[in-house]
Amino acid sequence: MIGPPAPGRSNRDDWDSDAEEENKYRIPVSNEIVLKGHTKVVSALAIDHTGSRVISGSYDHSVRMYDFQGMNAKLQSFRQLEPSEGHQVRTIS
């Protein structure tokens, strides 16, 4: 499994312990957006240490860079590139 476990359903009594478990990963799970841009499956994803930028690679041969702090309502990437023409992006480091 990659990343933190999916949040489970809990009753009101377990609320405090669930909040502590979620905070140890330091990932905001209260909001969700759909980033637009790739035309095929996203095969690689990297998030900077502050969580403000995301880089995604796809089988559509492109890498897209997203900046959450400078993003407008269209949720589009601020930069796109094709690192090796005709080759799927499988990893990002």
C-alpha atoms as a PDB file:
ATOM      1  CA  MET A   1       0.000   0.000   0.000  1.00  0.00           C
ATOM      2  CA  ILE A   2       1.297   3.438  -0.908  1.00  0.00           C
ATOM      3  CA  GLY A   3       0.412   6.398   1.293  1.00  0.00           C
ATOM      4  CA  PRO A   4      -1.705   6.529   4.392  1.00  0.00           C
ATOM      5  CA  PRO A   5      -4.581   4.113   4.918  1.00  0.00           C
ATOM      6  CA  ALA A   6      -8.001   5.262   3.780  1.00  0.00           C
ATOM      7  CA  PRO A   7      -9.976   6.894   6.579  1.00  0.00           C
ATOM      8  CA  GLY A   8     -12.533   4.527   8.004  1.00  0.00           C
ATOM      9  CA  ARG A   9     -15.949   5.233   9.406  1.00  0.00           C
ATOM     10  CA  SER A  10     -16.032   5.746  13.122  1.00  0.00           C
ATOM     11  CA  ASN A  11     -18.540   6.677  15.757  1.00  0.00           C
ATOM     12  CA  ARG A  12     -18.470   9.926  17.711  1.00  0.00           C
ATOM     13  CA  ASP A  13     -16.593   8.379  20.676  1.00  0.00           C
ATOM     14  CA  ASP A  14     -13.564   7.505  18.532  1.00  0.00           C
ATOM     15  CA  TRP A  15     -13.324  10.984  16.982  1.00  0.00           C
ATOM     16  CA  ASP A  16     -10.288  12.152  18.997  1.00  0.00           C
ATOM     17  CA  SER A  17      -8.221   9.030  18.371  1.00  0.00           C
ATOM     18  CA  ASP A  18      -9.032   9.101  14.635  1.00  0.00           C
ATOM     19  CA  ALA A  19      -7.979  12.749  14.376  1.00  0.00           C
ATOM     20  CA  GLU A  20      -4.635  11.954  16.026  1.00  0.00           C
ATOM     21  CA  GLU A  21      -3.997   9.060  13.612  1.00  0.00           C
ATOM     22  CA  GLU A  22      -4.763  11.212  10.560  1.00  0.00           C
ATOM     23  CA  ASN A  23      -2.494  14.016  11.787  1.00  0.00           C
ATOM     24  CA  LYS A  24       0.564  11.759  11.937  1.00  0.00           C
ATOM     25  CA  TYR A  25       0.605  11.669   8.104  1.00  0.00           C
ATOM     26  CA  ARG A  26       0.194  15.468   7.921  1.00  0.00           C
ATOM     27  CA  ILE A  27      -1.963  15.188   4.814  1.00  0.00           C
ATOM     28  CA  PRO A  28      -5.122  17.305   4.566  1.00  0.00           C
ATOM     29  CA  VAL A  29      -8.033  14.965   3.937  1.00  0.00           C
ATOM     30  CA  SER A  30     -10.864  17.437   4.455  1.00  0.00           C
ATOM     31  CA  ASN A  31     -10.897  18.761   0.870  1.00  0.00           C
ATOM     32  CA  GLU A  32     -10.842  17.010  -2.459  1.00  0.00           C
ATOM     33  CA  ILE A  33     -10.321  18.340  -5.993  1.00  0.00           C
ATOM     34  CA  VAL A  34      -9.910  16.781  -9.417  1.00  0.00           C
ATOM     35  CA  LEU A  35      -6.825  18.016 -11.249  1.00  0.00           C
ATOM     36  CA  LYS A  36      -7.401  18.291 -14.979  1.00  0.00           C
ATOM     37  CA  GLY A  37      -4.956  17.840 -17.799  1.00  0.00           C
ATOM     38  CA  HIS A  38      -3.861  14.284 -18.496  1.00  0.00           C
ATOM     39  CA  THR A  39      -5.667  12.299 -21.178  1.00  0.00           C
ATOM     40  CA  LYS A  40      -4.509   8.869 -19.975  1.00  0.00           C
ATOM     41  CA  VAL A  41      -3.864   7.213 -16.625  1.00  0.00           C
ATOM     42  CA  VAL A  42      -1.589   9.002 -14.147  1.00  0.00           C
ATOM     43  CA  SER A  43       1.311   6.641 -13.436  1.00  0.00           C
ATOM     44  CA  ALA A  44       3.597   8.794 -11.252  1.00  0.00           C
ATOM     45  CA  LEU A  45       3.007  11.438  -8.618  1.00  0.00           C
ATOM     46  CA  ALA A  46       5.307  13.566  -6.463  1.00  0.00           C
ATOM     47  CA  ILE A  47       4.351  16.106  -3.792  1.00  0.00           C
ATOM     48  CA  ASP A  48       6.805  18.668  -2.440  1.00  0.00           C
ATOM     49  CA  HIS A  49       7.525  18.659   1.297  1.00  0.00           C
ATOM     50  CA  THR A  50       5.223  21.640   1.947  1.00  0.00           C
ATOM     51  CA  GLY A  51       2.302  20.102   0.049  1.00  0.00           C
ATOM     52  CA  SER A  52       1.879  23.181  -2.127  1.00  0.00           C
ATOM     53  CA  ARG A  53       3.035  21.668  -5.428  1.00  0.00           C
ATOM     54  CA  VAL A  54       2.322  18.388  -7.201  1.00  0.00           C
ATOM     55  CA  ILE A  55       4.022  16.890 -10.243  1.00  0.00           C
ATOM     56  CA  SER A  56       2.204  14.151 -12.135  1.00  0.00           C
ATOM     57  CA  GLY A  57       3.386  11.887 -14.935  1.00  0.00           C
ATOM     58  CA  SER A  58       1.100   9.971 -17.248  1.00  0.00           C
ATOM     59  CA  TYR A  59       0.851   7.367 -19.964  1.00  0.00           C
ATOM     60  CA  ASP A  60      -0.089  10.263 -22.257  1.00  0.00           C
ATOM     61  CA  HIS A  61       3.699  10.986 -22.378  1.00  0.00           C
ATOM     62  CA  SER A  62       3.466  14.220 -20.386  1.00  0.00           C
ATOM     63  CA  VAL A  63       4.496  15.637 -17.021  1.00  0.00           C
ATOM     64  CA  ARG A  64       2.293  18.321 -15.467  1.00  0.00           C
ATOM     65  CA  MET A  65       3.137  20.653 -12.601  1.00  0.00           C
ATOM     66  CA  TYR A  66       0.433  22.036 -10.312  1.00  0.00           C
ATOM     67  CA  ASP A  67       0.830  24.840  -7.766  1.00  0.00           C
ATOM     68  CA  PHE A  68      -2.005  24.936  -5.222  1.00  0.00           C
ATOM     69  CA  GLN A  69      -1.127  28.409  -3.928  1.00  0.00           C
ATOM     70  CA  GLY A  70      -1.233  30.008  -7.380  1.00  0.00           C
ATOM     71  CA  MET A  71      -4.025  27.875  -8.841  1.00  0.00           C
ATOM     72  CA  ASN A  72      -7.229  29.454 -10.121  1.00  0.00           C
ATOM     73  CA  ALA A  73     -10.719  27.906 -10.278  1.00  0.00           C
ATOM     74  CA  LYS A  74      -9.895  26.041 -13.522  1.00  0.00           C
ATOM     75  CA  LEU A  75      -7.477  23.744 -11.604  1.00  0.00           C
ATOM     76  CA  GLN A  76      -5.056  23.596 -14.541  1.00  0.00           C
ATOM     77  CA  SER A  77      -1.340  22.902 -14.411  1.00  0.00           C
ATOM     78  CA  PHE A  78       1.044  25.854 -14.623  1.00  0.00           C
ATOM     79  CA  ARG A  79       3.581  23.901 -16.690  1.00  0.00           C
ATOM     80  CA  GLN A  80       3.517  20.865 -18.983  1.00  0.00           C
ATOM     81  CA  LEU A  81       6.365  19.066 -20.682  1.00  0.00           C
ATOM     82  CA  GLU A  82       7.058  15.896 -22.613  1.00  0.00           C
ATOM     83  CA  PRO A  83      10.404  14.638 -21.254  1.00  0.00           C
ATOM     84  CA  SER A  84      11.043  11.919 -23.830  1.00  0.00           C
ATOM     85  CA  GLU A  85       8.868  12.078 -26.918  1.00  0.00           C
ATOM     86  CA  GLY A  86       6.696   9.010 -27.398  1.00  0.00           C
ATOM     87  CA  HIS A  87       7.552   7.370 -24.046  1.00  0.00           C
ATOM     88  CA  GLN A  88       5.179   6.873 -21.139  1.00  0.00           C
ATOM     89  CA  VAL A  89       6.146   8.516 -17.857  1.00  0.00           C
ATOM     90  CA  ARG A  90       6.405   5.792 -15.223  1.00  0.00           C
ATOM     91  CA  THR A  91       8.380   7.406 -12.393  1.00  0.00           C
ATOM     92  CA  ILE A  92       9.128  10.855 -11.025  1.00  0.00           C
ATOM     93  CA  SER A  93      11.760  11.592  -8.408  1.00  0.00           C
END
